[in-house]
Amino acid sequence: MLFSQLRPLAERGGWDLRQIAEETGCGDQCGMCVPYLREMLAVGTVRFDRILVDAACGDEAA
């Protein structure tokens, strides 16, 4: 699923990271997308021009 598709769903549903994982499966596997999901939720970014690293490594869908 594209971030541009996911963001409106998350906004309409008032989803946090855990709810995104529960509703879509995004962020509940390898975790590589979790920092991008956090950024999307925080500031609305749906296109990324840099590599993001999750400070809470191993913090799956929390």
N, C-alpha and C. Protein backbone atom coordinates (compact mmCIF):
# COMPACT_ATOMS: atom_id res chain seq x y z
N MET A 1 0.85 -1.17 0.00
CA MET A 1 0.00 0.00 0.00
C MET A 1 0.89 1.23 0.00
N LEU A 2 0.55 2.20 -0.80
CA LEU A 2 1.31 3.45 -0.86
C LEU A 2 0.98 4.33 0.34
N PHE A 3 1.97 5.10 0.78
CA PHE A 3 1.73 6.04 1.88
C PHE A 3 0.63 7.03 1.51
N SER A 4 0.57 7.42 0.25
CA SER A 4 -0.47 8.36 -0.20
C SER A 4 -1.86 7.75 -0.12
N GLN A 5 -1.97 6.44 -0.14
CA GLN A 5 -3.24 5.76 0.05
C GLN A 5 -3.53 5.54 1.52
N LEU A 6 -2.49 5.29 2.27
CA LEU A 6 -2.63 4.98 3.69
C LEU A 6 -2.97 6.20 4.54
N ARG A 7 -2.36 7.32 4.22
CA ARG A 7 -2.55 8.52 5.03
C ARG A 7 -4.02 8.92 5.18
N PRO A 8 -4.80 9.01 4.10
CA PRO A 8 -6.21 9.39 4.28
C PRO A 8 -6.99 8.38 5.13
N LEU A 9 -6.67 7.10 5.00
CA LEU A 9 -7.33 6.10 5.82
C LEU A 9 -7.03 6.32 7.30
N ALA A 10 -5.75 6.56 7.58
CA ALA A 10 -5.32 6.79 8.96
C ALA A 10 -5.95 8.06 9.52
N GLU A 11 -6.01 9.09 8.71
CA GLU A 11 -6.61 10.35 9.17
C GLU A 11 -8.09 10.19 9.45
N ARG A 12 -8.82 9.57 8.52
CA ARG A 12 -10.26 9.37 8.70
C ARG A 12 -10.56 8.49 9.91
N GLY A 13 -9.74 7.46 10.08
CA GLY A 13 -9.97 6.52 11.17
C GLY A 13 -9.37 6.95 12.50
N GLY A 14 -8.54 8.02 12.47
CA GLY A 14 -7.86 8.44 13.69
C GLY A 14 -6.89 7.39 14.19
N TRP A 15 -6.28 6.65 13.24
CA TRP A 15 -5.41 5.54 13.59
C TRP A 15 -4.06 5.99 14.09
N ASP A 16 -3.54 5.24 15.06
CA ASP A 16 -2.15 5.38 15.46
C ASP A 16 -1.37 4.24 14.78
N LEU A 17 -0.12 4.10 15.10
CA LEU A 17 0.72 3.10 14.45
C LEU A 17 0.17 1.68 14.65
N ARG A 18 -0.25 1.38 15.84
CA ARG A 18 -0.78 0.04 16.14
C ARG A 18 -2.05 -0.23 15.32
N GLN A 19 -2.92 0.76 15.23
CA GLN A 19 -4.16 0.58 14.47
C GLN A 19 -3.88 0.43 12.98
N ILE A 20 -2.88 1.15 12.47
CA ILE A 20 -2.49 0.97 11.07
C ILE A 20 -2.09 -0.48 10.83
N ALA A 21 -1.28 -1.02 11.72
CA ALA A 21 -0.83 -2.42 11.59
C ALA A 21 -2.02 -3.37 11.66
N GLU A 22 -2.93 -3.14 12.59
CA GLU A 22 -4.09 -4.01 12.74
C GLU A 22 -5.02 -3.95 11.53
N GLU A 23 -5.23 -2.76 11.01
CA GLU A 23 -6.19 -2.58 9.92
C GLU A 23 -5.62 -2.93 8.54
N THR A 24 -4.31 -2.72 8.34
CA THR A 24 -3.74 -2.88 7.00
C THR A 24 -2.60 -3.88 6.93
N GLY A 25 -2.02 -4.22 8.06
CA GLY A 25 -0.84 -5.09 8.06
C GLY A 25 0.46 -4.33 7.87
N CYS A 26 0.37 -3.04 7.56
CA CYS A 26 1.57 -2.22 7.38
C CYS A 26 2.29 -2.05 8.72
N GLY A 27 3.57 -2.33 8.74
CA GLY A 27 4.37 -2.13 9.94
C GLY A 27 4.40 -3.30 10.89
N ASP A 28 3.78 -4.42 10.53
CA ASP A 28 3.77 -5.54 11.48
C ASP A 28 4.60 -6.74 11.02
N GLN A 29 5.44 -6.52 10.02
CA GLN A 29 6.31 -7.62 9.55
C GLN A 29 7.76 -7.30 9.90
N CYS A 30 8.54 -6.88 8.95
CA CYS A 30 9.97 -6.64 9.19
C CYS A 30 10.24 -5.34 9.94
N GLY A 31 9.31 -4.39 9.87
CA GLY A 31 9.47 -3.12 10.59
C GLY A 31 10.21 -2.04 9.83
N MET A 32 10.67 -2.33 8.62
CA MET A 32 11.42 -1.33 7.85
C MET A 32 10.59 -0.07 7.56
N CYS A 33 9.27 -0.20 7.47
CA CYS A 33 8.43 0.95 7.15
C CYS A 33 8.00 1.73 8.40
N VAL A 34 8.26 1.20 9.59
CA VAL A 34 7.78 1.85 10.81
C VAL A 34 8.27 3.29 10.95
N PRO A 35 9.55 3.62 10.72
CA PRO A 35 9.94 5.03 10.85
C PRO A 35 9.21 5.93 9.85
N TYR A 36 8.91 5.38 8.68
CA TYR A 36 8.18 6.15 7.67
C TYR A 36 6.72 6.33 8.07
N LEU A 37 6.14 5.30 8.66
CA LEU A 37 4.78 5.43 9.17
C LEU A 37 4.71 6.46 10.29
N ARG A 38 5.70 6.43 11.18
CA ARG A 38 5.74 7.43 12.27
C ARG A 38 5.82 8.85 11.70
N GLU A 39 6.67 9.03 10.70
CA GLU A 39 6.82 10.34 10.07
C GLU A 39 5.52 10.76 9.38
N MET A 40 4.89 9.83 8.71
CA MET A 40 3.62 10.12 8.04
C MET A 40 2.58 10.57 9.06
N LEU A 41 2.50 9.86 10.16
CA LEU A 41 1.52 10.22 11.20
C LEU A 41 1.85 11.57 11.85
N ALA A 42 3.12 11.84 12.04
CA ALA A 42 3.53 13.06 12.74
C ALA A 42 3.36 14.31 11.89
N VAL A 43 3.77 14.25 10.62
CA VAL A 43 3.79 15.47 9.80
C VAL A 43 3.08 15.34 8.46
N GLY A 44 2.56 14.15 8.16
CA GLY A 44 1.80 13.98 6.93
C GLY A 44 2.61 13.66 5.70
N THR A 45 3.90 13.41 5.86
CA THR A 45 4.76 13.11 4.71
C THR A 45 4.34 11.79 4.07
N VAL A 46 4.23 11.79 2.73
CA VAL A 46 3.93 10.56 2.01
C VAL A 46 4.99 10.24 0.96
N ARG A 47 5.94 11.15 0.75
CA ARG A 47 7.09 10.92 -0.14
C ARG A 47 8.35 11.20 0.67
N PHE A 48 9.29 10.30 0.60
CA PHE A 48 10.49 10.40 1.42
C PHE A 48 11.72 10.47 0.53
N ASP A 49 12.58 11.45 0.81
CA ASP A 49 13.80 11.60 0.03
C ASP A 49 15.04 11.30 0.87
N ARG A 50 14.83 10.67 2.00
CA ARG A 50 15.95 10.29 2.86
C ARG A 50 15.61 8.99 3.56
N ILE A 51 16.62 8.31 4.03
CA ILE A 51 16.42 7.06 4.75
C ILE A 51 16.16 7.38 6.21
N LEU A 52 15.08 6.84 6.73
CA LEU A 52 14.73 7.04 8.14
C LEU A 52 15.07 5.77 8.91
N VAL A 53 15.57 5.96 10.11
CA VAL A 53 15.90 4.84 10.99
C VAL A 53 15.08 5.01 12.25
N ASP A 54 14.46 3.94 12.67
CA ASP A 54 13.64 3.97 13.89
C ASP A 54 14.55 3.94 15.11
N ALA A 55 14.45 4.96 15.94
CA ALA A 55 15.26 5.04 17.16
C ALA A 55 14.95 3.89 18.10
N ALA A 56 13.71 3.41 18.06
CA ALA A 56 13.30 2.29 18.91
C ALA A 56 13.41 0.99 18.11
N CYS A 57 14.62 0.66 17.71
CA CYS A 57 14.85 -0.53 16.88
C CYS A 57 14.24 -1.76 17.54
N GLY A 58 13.46 -2.49 16.77
CA GLY A 58 12.79 -3.66 17.31
C GLY A 58 11.44 -3.34 17.93
N ASP A 59 11.03 -2.08 17.88
CA ASP A 59 9.77 -1.64 18.44
C ASP A 59 8.69 -1.78 17.37
N GLU A 60 8.22 -2.99 17.16
CA GLU A 60 7.28 -3.29 16.09
C GLU A 60 5.90 -2.78 16.43
N ALA A 61 5.37 -1.90 15.55
CA ALA A 61 4.00 -1.39 15.63
C ALA A 61 3.62 -0.93 17.02
N ALA A 62 4.51 -0.23 17.68
CA ALA A 62 4.21 0.28 19.02
C ALA A 62 3.99 1.77 18.98
